[in-house]
């Protein structure tokens, strides 16, 4: 909801995420190795990957928004 709560963020943000967990030499491995960070673009570098598939699915002609949700192009969530 944080990224889709406003139309400005919804229309301009394309989610990229990375796991920022890095092990430390000489310290035991922690049990929690999920330390995820996200960004609204690929400016974070090579370690950031696209969060959601955002292309048209040819078989069903389903359109997906930047967050992987199905949308109807004739009834946009945030009209321009």
Protein backbone atom coordinates (compact mmCIF):
# COMPACT_ATOMS: atom_id res chain seq x y z
CA UNK A 1 0.00 0.00 0.00
CA UNK A 2 2.87 2.41 0.64
CA UNK A 3 3.74 2.67 -3.04
CA UNK A 4 0.21 2.42 -4.40
CA UNK A 5 -1.50 4.74 -1.91
CA UNK A 6 -0.98 7.87 -4.02
CA UNK A 7 -1.50 8.26 -7.75
CA UNK A 8 1.82 10.08 -8.19
CA UNK A 9 3.76 7.20 -6.65
CA UNK A 10 1.62 4.57 -8.38
CA UNK A 11 2.20 6.06 -11.84
CA UNK A 12 5.90 6.89 -11.50
CA UNK A 13 7.37 4.11 -9.35
CA UNK A 14 8.74 0.85 -10.74
CA UNK A 15 9.73 -1.39 -7.82
CA UNK A 16 13.26 -2.80 -7.55
CA UNK A 17 14.46 -4.79 -4.52
CA UNK A 18 17.59 -6.39 -3.08
CA UNK A 19 18.51 -8.47 -0.06
CA UNK A 20 21.02 -6.31 1.83
CA UNK A 21 22.21 -9.18 4.04
CA UNK A 22 25.98 -9.56 3.99
CA UNK A 23 27.89 -12.00 6.19
CA UNK A 24 30.71 -10.79 8.44
CA UNK A 25 34.02 -12.59 8.72
CA UNK A 26 34.67 -13.90 12.23
CA UNK A 27 31.04 -13.71 13.36
CA UNK A 28 28.56 -16.60 13.45
CA UNK A 29 25.92 -16.68 10.75
CA UNK A 30 22.66 -15.12 12.00
CA UNK A 31 19.43 -17.09 11.68
CA UNK A 32 17.69 -14.14 9.97
CA UNK A 33 19.30 -13.46 6.62
CA UNK A 34 16.41 -11.52 5.07
CA UNK A 35 17.18 -7.83 5.03
CA UNK A 36 15.22 -6.57 2.03
CA UNK A 37 15.36 -3.01 0.72
CA UNK A 38 13.40 -1.55 -2.15
CA UNK A 39 13.78 1.44 -4.43
CA UNK A 40 11.55 3.23 -6.91
CA UNK A 41 13.84 2.65 -9.87
CA UNK A 42 17.03 0.86 -10.82
CA UNK A 43 19.34 3.55 -9.46
CA UNK A 44 20.44 1.19 -6.65
CA UNK A 45 22.85 -0.68 -8.90
CA UNK A 46 23.33 -4.20 -10.24
CA UNK A 47 22.15 -5.96 -7.09
CA UNK A 48 18.62 -4.56 -7.40
CA UNK A 49 16.14 -6.65 -9.42
CA UNK A 50 12.68 -5.81 -10.72
CA UNK A 51 10.06 -6.76 -8.10
CA UNK A 52 7.15 -7.64 -10.37
CA UNK A 53 6.52 -8.81 -13.93
CA UNK A 54 5.04 -5.78 -15.69
CA UNK A 55 4.49 -6.84 -19.28
CA UNK A 56 1.41 -7.78 -21.25
CA UNK A 57 0.49 -11.46 -21.04
CA UNK A 58 -0.24 -12.34 -24.66
CA UNK A 59 -2.50 -15.36 -24.16
CA UNK A 60 -5.14 -13.65 -22.03
CA UNK A 61 -4.42 -10.06 -23.09
CA UNK A 62 -4.03 -9.19 -19.41
CA UNK A 63 -2.28 -5.93 -18.62
CA UNK A 64 -0.18 -5.60 -15.48
CA UNK A 65 0.81 -2.40 -13.72
CA UNK A 66 4.23 -1.62 -12.21
CA UNK A 67 3.28 -3.63 -9.12
CA UNK A 68 2.16 -6.82 -10.89
CA UNK A 69 -1.57 -6.14 -10.44
CA UNK A 70 -3.99 -6.68 -13.32
CA UNK A 71 -5.45 -3.47 -14.75
CA UNK A 72 -8.08 -2.61 -17.31
CA UNK A 73 -6.57 -0.02 -19.71
CA UNK A 74 -10.07 1.35 -20.30
CA UNK A 75 -10.62 1.91 -16.56
CA UNK A 76 -7.26 3.04 -15.10
CA UNK A 77 -6.77 3.19 -11.33
CA UNK A 78 -5.40 6.71 -11.62
CA UNK A 79 -6.69 8.54 -14.71
CA UNK A 80 -4.22 11.00 -16.21
